[in-house]
Amino acid sequence: MEGDPAVQPELDTFSLLLPLPYRIAVIFVLGVWAWGVNLHYLSVLKIDLPILIKYHTRTSSSIPPHHRRTYQLAATVTVPLLVSILLFWIITHGQPSLVLAWDILPQSFLFLLAIFFFLPFQRLSRTGRYRFLSTLKRVSIGGIAEAENGKFGDILLADVLTSYAKVLGDLFVSGCMFLSPGLSSTGKPDRNCGGAYMVPLIISIPSMIRLRQCLIEYLRVRNNPNKNASTGWGGQHLANALKYSSAFPVIVLSALQRGTNPNDFGMTEAGLFRLWLFFVFLNSFYSFYWDVAKVPSPHAYIYLLGLLSDQPFPSGLGSHSVRSLFRAQQP
């Protein structure tokens, strides 16, 4: 198939070196490293994040800190990823026909990466991996724990899923192409694989999860017999739910632009694009307004950090992580 015009135009140089399944794997592995960096940074600031997510704390100074265990876990999954990529390069030599033929290699790594989280080995951060899986199971249906049972961790994981929404869609595309006759997961991504609306549905699931969590929090406030002026009537949770629901028109219109003829429902291609652009602006502007303009004042951040640390902090420490910490602790 070398030189075949049906193959060559589909794959650019980047896709030949790092096809879709490997790009997905790299993003997942980088996510583990990023979690370790977050834990490390917060530990430097004397903020004990495990306490906030109701995770077990170190009972002895001989136990490695949480960020170091996370780095070890990240390194454990990084090594086989690099080996797999190098082996893929050695076998394919950048030839499109071989890249298409050897999709089993990157798909195998994705499969093994999923299996890795279920391994019962204590030395591979078993407690942390199992806690992640149990939390994922709860939030996957939009569940959220009470504040004293780790609500912040549920919100944090659900927010991570919204950031990974596109990656989850690509993960489905990769698996669908791998299992479809005549297609290769290392070829040009076919985002209509499995149906025109399957990928948009998967991409919307994280926003659905956060939407349901916000509605659950609203109902908890409304049904709380001890609510007072500090808890309010739950309007902030409805406003937050509106932020996540504003993503749905963007997802739907993106699918319509890719998989349908606008004339079928009385619109032009330009009109559909302008409508999509309007909802993109609406979603982006509202998300920015809610996440930035509606967060507590910097004095609240300093007060929170003072509760969590023995050391003073500069007033300029208004990072996104700290804002998230504060919002998650609100009733």
Protein backbone atom coordinates (compact mmCIF):
# COMPACT_ATOMS: atom_id res chain seq x y z
CA MET A 1 0.00 0.00 0.00
CA GLU A 2 3.04 2.29 0.01
CA GLY A 3 2.31 5.25 -2.20
CA ASP A 4 -1.37 4.37 -2.33
CA PRO A 5 -3.25 7.68 -2.78
CA ALA A 6 -6.09 6.30 -0.67
CA VAL A 7 -3.73 6.06 2.30
CA GLN A 8 -1.12 8.78 1.97
CA PRO A 9 -3.36 11.91 2.15
CA GLU A 10 -5.06 10.65 5.31
CA LEU A 11 -2.00 10.71 7.55
CA ASP A 12 0.21 13.73 8.18
CA THR A 13 3.67 13.43 9.66
CA PHE A 14 2.47 13.98 13.22
CA SER A 15 -0.18 11.25 12.88
CA LEU A 16 2.45 8.86 11.52
CA LEU A 17 4.64 9.45 14.58
CA LEU A 18 1.89 9.74 17.19
CA PRO A 19 -1.46 8.36 15.99
CA LEU A 20 -4.70 8.99 17.84
CA PRO A 21 -4.48 6.13 20.39
CA TYR A 22 -1.02 7.25 21.50
CA ARG A 23 -2.14 10.87 21.75
CA ILE A 24 -4.95 9.73 24.06
CA ALA A 25 -2.52 7.65 26.13
CA VAL A 26 -0.07 10.55 26.45
CA ILE A 27 -2.81 12.87 27.71
CA PHE A 28 -3.95 10.32 30.30
CA VAL A 29 -0.40 9.75 31.53
CA LEU A 30 0.29 13.48 31.66
CA GLY A 31 -2.84 13.79 33.79
CA VAL A 32 -1.26 11.52 36.42
CA TRP A 33 1.91 13.63 36.39
CA ALA A 34 -0.19 16.81 36.67
CA TRP A 35 -2.01 15.41 39.70
CA GLY A 36 1.33 14.75 41.34
CA VAL A 37 2.50 18.29 40.58
CA ASN A 38 -0.69 19.69 42.13
CA LEU A 39 -0.21 17.62 45.28
CA HIS A 40 3.45 18.66 45.44
CA TYR A 41 2.68 22.35 45.00
CA LEU A 42 -0.08 22.33 47.62
CA SER A 43 2.16 20.47 50.06
CA VAL A 44 4.78 23.21 49.61
CA LEU A 45 2.05 25.70 50.57
CA LYS A 46 1.29 23.55 53.65
CA ILE A 47 -2.18 22.72 52.27
CA ASP A 48 -3.12 19.12 53.01
CA LEU A 49 -5.34 18.27 50.05
CA PRO A 50 -5.90 14.64 51.18
CA ILE A 51 -7.71 16.00 54.25
CA LEU A 52 -10.02 18.03 52.03
CA ILE A 53 -10.94 15.02 49.91
CA LYS A 54 -11.19 12.79 53.01
CA TYR A 55 -8.28 10.61 51.92
CA HIS A 56 -6.15 8.84 54.50
CA THR A 57 -3.24 10.89 55.83
CA ARG A 58 0.32 9.74 56.50
CA THR A 59 0.56 8.02 59.89
CA SER A 60 4.36 7.96 59.93
CA SER A 61 7.20 10.10 58.64
CA SER A 62 8.63 6.97 57.01
CA ILE A 63 5.65 6.82 54.63
CA PRO A 64 6.41 8.73 51.40
CA PRO A 65 4.31 11.87 50.88
CA HIS A 66 1.31 11.57 48.58
CA HIS A 67 2.88 13.52 45.74
CA ARG A 68 5.93 11.24 45.73
CA ARG A 69 3.71 8.15 45.51
CA THR A 70 1.85 9.81 42.65
CA TYR A 71 5.12 10.52 40.84
CA GLN A 72 6.06 6.85 41.25
CA LEU A 73 2.72 5.82 39.81
CA ALA A 74 3.15 8.23 36.89
CA ALA A 75 6.63 6.89 36.19
CA THR A 76 5.29 3.32 36.30
CA VAL A 77 2.83 4.02 33.48
CA THR A 78 5.20 6.31 31.56
CA VAL A 79 7.92 3.71 31.02
CA PRO A 80 5.74 1.16 29.18
CA LEU A 81 4.20 4.00 27.16
CA LEU A 82 7.63 5.11 25.94
CA VAL A 83 8.62 1.52 25.20
CA SER A 84 5.42 1.00 23.23
CA ILE A 85 5.92 4.18 21.21
CA LEU A 86 9.56 3.33 20.43
CA LEU A 87 8.58 -0.18 19.37
CA PHE A 88 5.86 1.28 17.16
CA TRP A 89 8.38 3.59 15.48
CA ILE A 90 10.85 0.76 14.95
CA ILE A 91 8.21 -1.48 13.35
CA THR A 92 6.42 1.09 11.17
CA HIS A 93 9.36 3.29 10.05
CA GLY A 94 6.79 6.04 9.46
CA GLN A 95 5.24 4.15 6.53
CA PRO A 96 1.47 4.79 6.28
CA SER A 97 0.61 1.19 5.40
CA LEU A 98 2.48 -0.16 8.44
CA VAL A 99 1.06 2.53 10.72
CA LEU A 100 -2.43 1.45 9.71
CA ALA A 101 -1.62 -2.23 10.06
CA TRP A 102 -0.10 -2.01 13.55
CA ASP A 103 -2.93 -0.29 15.40
CA ILE A 104 -2.94 -3.28 17.77
CA LEU A 105 0.16 -1.87 19.50
CA PRO A 106 -1.24 1.45 20.77
CA GLN A 107 -4.64 -0.09 21.44
CA SER A 108 -3.00 -2.75 23.58
CA PHE A 109 -1.36 -0.07 25.71
CA LEU A 110 -4.71 1.67 26.28
CA PHE A 111 -6.22 -1.64 27.31
CA LEU A 112 -3.34 -2.42 29.68
CA LEU A 113 -3.53 1.09 31.13
CA ALA A 114 -7.17 0.49 32.04
CA ILE A 115 -6.34 -2.91 33.53
CA PHE A 116 -3.51 -1.35 35.54
CA PHE A 117 -5.96 0.54 37.76
CA PHE A 118 -7.49 -2.73 38.92
CA LEU A 119 -4.24 -4.49 39.83
CA PRO A 120 -4.15 -5.51 43.53
CA PHE A 121 -0.48 -4.61 44.10
CA GLN A 122 0.00 -2.37 47.15
CA ARG A 123 3.36 -1.04 45.92
CA LEU A 124 1.59 0.50 42.90
CA SER A 125 -0.53 2.88 45.01
CA ARG A 126 -3.37 0.39 45.33
CA THR A 127 -5.25 2.49 47.91
CA GLY A 128 -5.12 5.58 45.72
CA ARG A 129 -6.13 3.72 42.58
CA TYR A 130 -9.05 2.02 44.29
CA ARG A 131 -10.16 5.32 45.82
CA PHE A 132 -10.08 6.85 42.34
CA LEU A 133 -12.20 4.00 40.94
CA SER A 134 -14.75 4.18 43.76
CA THR A 135 -15.06 7.95 43.35
CA LEU A 136 -15.34 7.57 39.59
CA LYS A 137 -18.12 5.03 40.06
CA ARG A 138 -20.05 7.45 42.27
CA VAL A 139 -19.65 10.54 40.10
CA SER A 140 -20.22 8.66 36.82
CA ILE A 141 -23.96 8.74 37.53
CA GLY A 142 -23.84 12.32 38.78
CA GLY A 143 -23.53 11.36 42.44
CA ILE A 144 -21.88 13.57 45.00
CA ALA A 145 -20.92 12.80 48.60
CA GLU A 146 -21.82 14.91 51.59
CA ALA A 147 -19.26 17.51 52.66
CA GLU A 148 -18.03 15.38 55.55
CA ASN A 149 -17.58 12.36 53.25
CA GLY A 150 -15.41 13.97 50.58
CA LYS A 151 -17.68 16.19 48.48
CA PHE A 152 -14.70 18.21 47.32
CA GLY A 153 -13.07 15.13 45.80
CA ASP A 154 -16.24 14.32 43.85
CA ILE A 155 -16.44 17.84 42.47
CA LEU A 156 -12.74 17.84 41.63
CA LEU A 157 -12.95 14.56 39.69
CA ALA A 158 -16.12 15.63 37.86
CA ASP A 159 -14.44 18.88 36.82
CA VAL A 160 -11.45 16.90 35.56
CA LEU A 161 -13.83 14.80 33.47
CA THR A 162 -15.25 17.95 31.86
CA SER A 163 -11.70 18.91 30.90
CA TYR A 164 -11.20 15.42 29.46
CA ALA A 165 -14.53 15.37 27.59
CA LYS A 166 -12.91 15.63 24.15
CA VAL A 167 -10.34 12.99 25.09
CA LEU A 168 -13.12 10.61 26.18
CA GLY A 169 -14.81 11.16 22.82
CA ASP A 170 -11.56 10.36 21.02
CA LEU A 171 -11.14 7.27 23.18
CA PHE A 172 -14.49 5.99 21.92
CA VAL A 173 -13.54 6.85 18.34
CA SER A 174 -10.26 4.98 18.69
CA GLY A 175 -11.93 1.87 20.08
CA CYS A 176 -14.75 1.99 17.54
CA MET A 177 -12.35 2.25 14.60
CA PHE A 178 -10.21 -0.56 15.98
CA LEU A 179 -13.23 -2.89 16.16
CA SER A 180 -14.76 -1.81 12.83
CA PRO A 181 -13.88 -3.88 9.74
CA GLY A 182 -11.95 -1.91 7.16
CA LEU A 183 -10.89 0.80 9.62
CA SER A 184 -7.74 1.31 11.66
CA SER A 185 -7.54 3.26 14.92
CA THR A 186 -4.21 4.69 13.77
CA GLY A 187 -5.80 6.12 10.63
CA LYS A 188 -7.55 9.43 10.17
CA PRO A 189 -10.09 9.75 13.03
CA ASP A 190 -13.63 8.98 11.88
CA ARG A 191 -15.78 10.85 14.38
CA ASN A 192 -18.93 9.43 12.81
CA CYS A 193 -17.88 5.94 13.84
CA GLY A 194 -20.71 4.38 15.83
CA GLY A 195 -23.19 6.95 14.53
CA ALA A 196 -23.19 10.70 13.99
CA TYR A 197 -24.40 11.45 17.51
CA MET A 198 -22.47 8.92 19.58
CA VAL A 199 -19.35 11.05 20.03
CA PRO A 200 -21.31 14.22 20.95
CA LEU A 201 -23.26 12.16 23.48
CA ILE A 202 -20.06 10.92 25.13
CA ILE A 203 -18.55 14.42 25.14
CA SER A 204 -21.67 15.75 26.88
CA ILE A 205 -21.62 13.14 29.68
CA PRO A 206 -19.13 15.03 31.94
CA SER A 207 -21.28 18.17 31.72
CA MET A 208 -24.35 16.05 32.52
CA ILE A 209 -22.52 14.73 35.58
CA ARG A 210 -21.68 18.20 36.88
CA LEU A 211 -25.20 19.42 36.06
CA ARG A 212 -26.74 16.65 38.16
CA GLN A 213 -24.29 17.32 41.00
CA CYS A 214 -25.29 20.99 41.04
CA LEU A 215 -28.99 20.06 41.13
CA ILE A 216 -28.35 17.60 43.98
CA GLU A 217 -26.57 20.34 45.96
CA TYR A 218 -29.48 22.72 45.28
CA LEU A 219 -31.99 20.16 46.58
CA ARG A 220 -29.86 19.53 49.66
CA VAL A 221 -29.92 23.22 50.49
CA ARG A 222 -33.66 23.50 49.83
CA ASN A 223 -34.44 20.46 51.97
CA ASN A 224 -32.09 21.41 54.80
CA PRO A 225 -34.21 22.38 57.81
CA ASN A 226 -31.22 24.20 59.32
CA LYS A 227 -30.50 26.50 56.40
CA ASN A 228 -29.67 30.09 57.27
CA ALA A 229 -28.45 33.27 55.66
CA SER A 230 -24.97 31.83 55.11
CA THR A 231 -26.27 28.84 53.14
CA GLY A 232 -28.77 30.90 51.13
CA TRP A 233 -31.62 29.31 49.20
CA GLY A 234 -29.37 27.37 46.81
CA GLY A 235 -29.43 29.83 43.93
CA GLN A 236 -25.67 29.60 43.45
CA HIS A 237 -26.03 25.91 42.64
CA LEU A 238 -28.70 26.63 40.02
CA ALA A 239 -26.48 29.28 38.48
CA ASN A 240 -23.60 26.80 38.42
CA ALA A 241 -25.91 24.22 36.80
CA LEU A 242 -26.75 26.76 34.13
CA LYS A 243 -23.06 27.11 33.35
CA TYR A 244 -22.73 23.40 32.57
CA SER A 245 -26.02 23.21 30.69
CA SER A 246 -24.83 26.00 28.38
CA ALA A 247 -22.31 23.54 26.92
CA PHE A 248 -25.02 21.32 25.42
CA PRO A 249 -26.07 23.64 22.54
CA VAL A 250 -22.39 23.95 21.54
CA ILE A 251 -22.00 20.16 21.45
CA VAL A 252 -25.25 19.61 19.53
CA LEU A 253 -24.53 22.32 16.96
CA SER A 254 -20.99 21.02 16.46
CA ALA A 255 -22.47 17.60 15.65
CA LEU A 256 -24.98 19.13 13.24
CA GLN A 257 -22.24 21.00 11.38
CA ARG A 258 -20.26 17.82 10.90
CA GLY A 259 -22.89 15.18 10.26
CA THR A 260 -25.95 16.79 8.64
CA ASN A 261 -27.06 19.05 5.82
CA PRO A 262 -28.28 22.39 7.28
CA ASN A 263 -30.84 22.66 4.47
CA ASP A 264 -32.67 19.67 5.95
CA PHE A 265 -33.89 21.84 8.83
CA GLY A 266 -34.23 25.16 7.03
CA MET A 267 -30.83 26.69 7.71
CA THR A 268 -27.81 27.63 5.66
CA GLU A 269 -24.30 26.48 6.50
CA ALA A 270 -23.35 30.06 7.39
CA GLY A 271 -26.44 30.44 9.59
CA LEU A 272 -25.68 27.24 11.46
CA PHE A 273 -22.11 28.39 12.00
CA ARG A 274 -23.25 31.77 13.34
CA LEU A 275 -25.67 30.05 15.71
CA TRP A 276 -22.87 27.78 16.92
CA LEU A 277 -20.60 30.80 17.37
CA PHE A 278 -23.27 32.55 19.45
CA PHE A 279 -23.58 29.63 21.87
CA VAL A 280 -19.79 29.25 22.05
CA PHE A 281 -19.56 32.89 23.11
CA LEU A 282 -22.44 32.49 25.56
CA ASN A 283 -20.88 29.40 27.15
CA SER A 284 -17.40 30.92 27.33
CA PHE A 285 -18.57 34.29 28.66
CA TYR A 286 -20.85 32.78 31.31
CA SER A 287 -18.18 30.29 32.41
CA PHE A 288 -15.64 33.12 32.70
CA TYR A 289 -18.10 35.29 34.62
CA TRP A 290 -19.02 32.53 37.04
CA ASP A 291 -15.49 31.20 37.62
CA VAL A 292 -13.78 34.58 37.91
CA ALA A 293 -16.23 37.35 38.75
CA LYS A 294 -18.35 35.33 41.19
CA VAL A 295 -15.57 33.75 43.26
CA PRO A 296 -14.92 35.02 46.79
CA SER A 297 -12.64 37.98 47.38
CA PRO A 298 -8.88 37.54 47.85
CA HIS A 299 -9.39 38.14 51.56
CA ALA A 300 -11.44 34.94 51.66
CA TYR A 301 -8.57 33.04 50.07
CA ILE A 302 -6.16 34.32 52.68
CA TYR A 303 -8.59 33.40 55.44
CA LEU A 304 -8.94 29.87 54.05
CA LEU A 305 -5.19 29.42 53.74
CA GLY A 306 -4.78 30.68 57.26
CA LEU A 307 -7.09 27.92 58.45
CA LEU A 308 -5.13 25.29 56.58
CA SER A 309 -1.61 26.46 57.25
CA ASP A 310 0.64 27.73 60.01
CA GLN A 311 2.32 30.18 57.66
CA PRO A 312 1.14 33.53 56.27
CA PHE A 313 0.53 33.80 52.53
CA PRO A 314 0.72 36.79 50.21
CA SER A 315 -2.54 38.35 49.10
CA GLY A 316 -1.64 37.66 45.47
CA LEU A 317 -2.14 33.93 45.93
CA GLY A 318 -5.49 33.84 44.16
CA SER A 319 -4.89 30.77 42.02
CA HIS A 320 -7.60 28.69 40.36
CA SER A 321 -6.80 25.78 42.66
CA VAL A 322 -7.36 27.90 45.76
CA ARG A 323 -10.62 29.28 44.39
CA SER A 324 -11.77 25.73 43.72
CA LEU A 325 -10.84 24.74 47.25
CA PHE A 326 -12.91 27.56 48.68
CA ARG A 327 -15.96 27.01 46.46
CA ALA A 328 -15.97 23.29 47.16
CA GLN A 329 -16.08 23.88 50.90
CA GLN A 330 -19.11 26.13 50.66
CA PRO A 331 -22.39 24.48 51.76
